[in-house]
Amino acid sequence: VEKTCRDLTNSSYNPIEMHIVVSDPEILWGTPVFNGTKIPTETLFDYLEAGETLDSFLSDFPSISRDTAIE
């Protein structure tokens, strides 16, 4: 969901929440990971390419919410 200028000035706005995937040289040498974890986003794609379900991935990585994985 895109944020409007009004949304961005709301006191509850948190820019960290807008970033689902982050890349930081201090975390796994800059490998893209799900924000707040050390779980590479590539892991989700590996699961799906191997024929696993999203539910299987979420079961194995409970720190990632369904909404985060889908977005």
C-alpha atoms as a PDB file:
ATOM      1  CA  VAL A   1       0.000   0.000   0.000  1.00  0.00           C
ATOM      2  CA  GLU A   2       1.455   3.325  -1.006  1.00  0.00           C
ATOM      3  CA  LYS A   3       1.768   5.941   1.687  1.00  0.00           C
ATOM      4  CA  THR A   4       0.464   9.401   0.987  1.00  0.00           C
ATOM      5  CA  CYS A   5       2.114  12.567   2.282  1.00  0.00           C
ATOM      6  CA  ARG A   6      -0.557  12.736   4.973  1.00  0.00           C
ATOM      7  CA  ASP A   7       0.223   9.157   6.034  1.00  0.00           C
ATOM      8  CA  LEU A   8       3.930   9.960   6.253  1.00  0.00           C
ATOM      9  CA  THR A   9       3.333  12.836   8.656  1.00  0.00           C
ATOM     10  CA  ASN A  10       1.259  10.643  10.971  1.00  0.00           C
ATOM     11  CA  SER A  11       3.046  10.153  14.283  1.00  0.00           C
ATOM     12  CA  SER A  12       2.577   6.374  14.053  1.00  0.00           C
ATOM     13  CA  TYR A  13       4.579   6.220  10.793  1.00  0.00           C
ATOM     14  CA  ASN A  14       7.636   4.012  11.101  1.00  0.00           C
ATOM     15  CA  PRO A  15       9.959   3.956   8.053  1.00  0.00           C
ATOM     16  CA  ILE A  16      11.472   0.642   9.161  1.00  0.00           C
ATOM     17  CA  GLU A  17       8.096  -1.055   8.671  1.00  0.00           C
ATOM     18  CA  MET A  18       8.057  -0.013   5.027  1.00  0.00           C
ATOM     19  CA  HIS A  19      11.139  -2.095   4.245  1.00  0.00           C
ATOM     20  CA  ILE A  20      10.306  -5.772   4.049  1.00  0.00           C
ATOM     21  CA  VAL A  21      13.658  -6.687   2.540  1.00  0.00           C
ATOM     22  CA  VAL A  22      16.911  -5.115   3.661  1.00  0.00           C
ATOM     23  CA  SER A  23      20.502  -5.445   2.583  1.00  0.00           C
ATOM     24  CA  ASP A  24      23.161  -4.501   5.107  1.00  0.00           C
ATOM     25  CA  PRO A  25      26.862  -5.335   4.738  1.00  0.00           C
ATOM     26  CA  GLU A  26      26.874  -6.186   8.463  1.00  0.00           C
ATOM     27  CA  ILE A  27      24.207  -8.889   7.993  1.00  0.00           C
ATOM     28  CA  LEU A  28      25.223 -11.909   5.902  1.00  0.00           C
ATOM     29  CA  TRP A  29      27.620  -9.772   3.862  1.00  0.00           C
ATOM     30  CA  GLY A  30      24.800  -7.720   2.355  1.00  0.00           C
ATOM     31  CA  THR A  31      22.627 -10.626   1.258  1.00  0.00           C
ATOM     32  CA  PRO A  32      19.004  -9.425   1.015  1.00  0.00           C
ATOM     33  CA  VAL A  33      17.144 -10.647   4.115  1.00  0.00           C
ATOM     34  CA  PHE A  34      13.691 -10.224   5.578  1.00  0.00           C
ATOM     35  CA  ASN A  35      13.780  -7.126   7.773  1.00  0.00           C
ATOM     36  CA  GLY A  36      14.533  -7.922  11.414  1.00  0.00           C
ATOM     37  CA  THR A  37      15.887 -11.393  10.606  1.00  0.00           C
ATOM     38  CA  LYS A  38      18.936 -13.085   9.174  1.00  0.00           C
ATOM     39  CA  ILE A  39      16.754 -15.134   6.834  1.00  0.00           C
ATOM     40  CA  PRO A  40      17.702 -14.541   3.191  1.00  0.00           C
ATOM     41  CA  THR A  41      14.771 -13.776   0.932  1.00  0.00           C
ATOM     42  CA  GLU A  42      16.285 -16.280  -1.489  1.00  0.00           C
ATOM     43  CA  THR A  43      15.317 -19.008   0.983  1.00  0.00           C
ATOM     44  CA  LEU A  44      11.642 -18.381   0.269  1.00  0.00           C
ATOM     45  CA  PHE A  45      12.260 -18.649  -3.468  1.00  0.00           C
ATOM     46  CA  ASP A  46      14.288 -21.829  -2.954  1.00  0.00           C
ATOM     47  CA  TYR A  47      11.358 -23.381  -1.066  1.00  0.00           C
ATOM     48  CA  LEU A  48       8.871 -22.449  -3.762  1.00  0.00           C
ATOM     49  CA  GLU A  49      11.129 -23.603  -6.609  1.00  0.00           C
ATOM     50  CA  ALA A  50      11.554 -26.953  -4.838  1.00  0.00           C
ATOM     51  CA  GLY A  51       7.783 -27.407  -4.823  1.00  0.00           C
ATOM     52  CA  GLU A  52       7.292 -26.583  -1.156  1.00  0.00           C
ATOM     53  CA  THR A  53       4.319 -24.530  -0.064  1.00  0.00           C
ATOM     54  CA  LEU A  54       4.298 -21.094   1.510  1.00  0.00           C
ATOM     55  CA  ASP A  55       2.833 -22.708   4.628  1.00  0.00           C
ATOM     56  CA  SER A  56       5.824 -25.033   4.817  1.00  0.00           C
ATOM     57  CA  PHE A  57       8.216 -22.080   4.621  1.00  0.00           C
ATOM     58  CA  LEU A  58       6.276 -20.164   7.279  1.00  0.00           C
ATOM     59  CA  SER A  59       6.249 -23.214   9.529  1.00  0.00           C
ATOM     60  CA  ASP A  60      10.025 -23.531   9.267  1.00  0.00           C
ATOM     61  CA  PHE A  61      10.582 -19.776   9.720  1.00  0.00           C
ATOM     62  CA  PRO A  62       7.953 -18.590  12.226  1.00  0.00           C
ATOM     63  CA  SER A  63       9.609 -15.192  12.645  1.00  0.00           C
ATOM     64  CA  ILE A  64       8.341 -14.272   9.167  1.00  0.00           C
ATOM     65  CA  SER A  65       4.660 -13.428   8.944  1.00  0.00           C
ATOM     66  CA  ARG A  66       2.445 -14.489   6.058  1.00  0.00           C
ATOM     67  CA  ASP A  67       1.907 -10.820   5.145  1.00  0.00           C
ATOM     68  CA  THR A  68       5.647 -10.225   5.006  1.00  0.00           C
ATOM     69  CA  ALA A  69       6.251 -13.256   2.791  1.00  0.00           C
ATOM     70  CA  ILE A  70       3.458 -12.276   0.414  1.00  0.00           C
ATOM     71  CA  GLU A  71       4.386  -8.621   0.108  1.00  0.00           C
END
